Amino acid sequence: MTRDQIKEIVLNIISVVAPDADLSNVKSDVRLRDQLEMDSMDFLDIVMELRKRYKVEVPKEDYPRLATLDGCAEYLTPRLEGVGVR
């Protein structure tokens, strides 16, 4: 799975978790919570969706690594290796 595919997955999950969020101009290097006005529960819902859909466990100490879209792609790329896009 490519980094771009992973970014699309994260954006898709965000669209489910925060359906009112405007995803049209999300910057890859800016904190998602700042851009999309998500709260901590929204963020936890994203982590839970990653676990449910892709069996990815993200320990609490790694949460800061998922702050940006680029960070998500970097963190998830090795963890989603060999997984098909859903």
Protein backbone atom coordinates (compact mmCIF):
# COMPACT_ATOMS: atom_id res chain seq x y z
CA MET A 1 0.00 0.00 0.00
CA THR A 2 1.37 3.40 -0.95
CA ARG A 3 1.61 6.47 1.25
CA ASP A 4 -1.02 8.18 -0.91
CA GLN A 5 -3.39 5.24 -0.47
CA ILE A 6 -2.87 5.41 3.28
CA LYS A 7 -3.63 9.13 3.28
CA GLU A 8 -6.86 8.39 1.40
CA ILE A 9 -7.74 5.72 3.96
CA VAL A 10 -7.21 8.18 6.82
CA LEU A 11 -9.28 10.83 5.07
CA ASN A 12 -12.03 8.29 4.44
CA ILE A 13 -12.06 7.35 8.11
CA ILE A 14 -12.17 11.03 9.08
CA SER A 15 -15.15 11.53 6.76
CA VAL A 16 -16.99 8.83 8.71
CA VAL A 17 -15.89 10.00 12.17
CA ALA A 18 -16.37 13.72 11.49
CA PRO A 19 -18.85 13.92 8.60
CA ASP A 20 -19.06 17.72 8.80
CA ALA A 21 -15.31 18.18 8.35
CA ASP A 22 -14.23 19.92 5.14
CA LEU A 23 -11.59 17.58 3.69
CA SER A 24 -11.14 19.49 0.43
CA ASN A 25 -8.04 21.43 1.50
CA VAL A 26 -6.36 19.26 4.11
CA LYS A 27 -2.64 19.99 4.31
CA SER A 28 -0.42 16.95 4.81
CA ASP A 29 1.99 18.62 7.20
CA VAL A 30 -0.44 20.47 9.52
CA ARG A 31 -2.01 18.84 12.57
CA LEU A 32 -5.32 17.26 11.58
CA ARG A 33 -7.02 18.29 14.82
CA ASP A 34 -6.13 21.93 14.17
CA GLN A 35 -7.29 21.90 10.55
CA LEU A 36 -10.50 19.99 11.07
CA GLU A 37 -11.45 21.13 14.56
CA MET A 38 -11.60 17.55 15.80
CA ASP A 39 -11.62 16.78 19.49
CA SER A 40 -9.84 13.98 21.32
CA MET A 41 -12.85 11.66 20.97
CA ASP A 42 -12.80 12.10 17.18
CA PHE A 43 -9.10 11.22 17.20
CA LEU A 44 -9.74 8.11 19.30
CA ASP A 45 -12.50 7.10 16.90
CA ILE A 46 -9.99 7.28 14.05
CA VAL A 47 -7.60 5.03 15.95
CA MET A 48 -10.44 2.60 16.68
CA GLU A 49 -11.47 2.52 13.00
CA LEU A 50 -7.88 1.72 12.01
CA ARG A 51 -7.95 -1.19 14.43
CA LYS A 52 -11.37 -2.38 13.29
CA ARG A 53 -10.76 -2.12 9.54
CA TYR A 54 -7.05 -2.96 9.31
CA LYS A 55 -6.14 -4.67 12.59
CA VAL A 56 -3.60 -1.94 13.36
CA GLU A 57 -2.90 -1.45 17.06
CA VAL A 58 -1.67 2.05 17.89
CA PRO A 59 -0.33 2.37 21.44
CA LYS A 60 -1.11 5.62 23.26
CA GLU A 61 2.53 6.67 23.20
CA ASP A 62 2.40 6.62 19.37
CA TYR A 63 -0.68 8.86 19.06
CA PRO A 64 1.45 11.99 18.45
CA ARG A 65 2.90 10.29 15.36
CA LEU A 66 -0.60 10.36 13.82
CA ALA A 67 -1.04 14.11 14.27
CA THR A 68 -0.62 14.97 10.57
CA LEU A 69 -1.57 13.21 7.36
CA ASP A 70 2.14 12.82 6.54
CA GLY A 71 2.73 11.38 10.01
CA CYS A 72 -0.12 8.90 9.53
CA ALA A 73 1.33 7.76 6.20
CA GLU A 74 4.82 7.37 7.66
CA TYR A 75 3.59 5.50 10.75
CA LEU A 76 1.08 3.26 8.97
CA THR A 77 3.06 2.34 5.84
CA PRO A 78 5.06 -0.50 7.44
CA ARG A 79 2.03 -1.63 9.47
CA LEU A 80 -0.23 -1.91 6.44
CA GLU A 81 2.30 -3.55 4.16
CA GLY A 82 0.59 -6.21 2.09
CA VAL A 83 -2.92 -5.08 3.04
CA GLY A 84 -5.33 -4.36 0.21
CA VAL A 85 -7.24 -1.09 0.03
CA ARG A 86 -10.71 -1.30 1.59
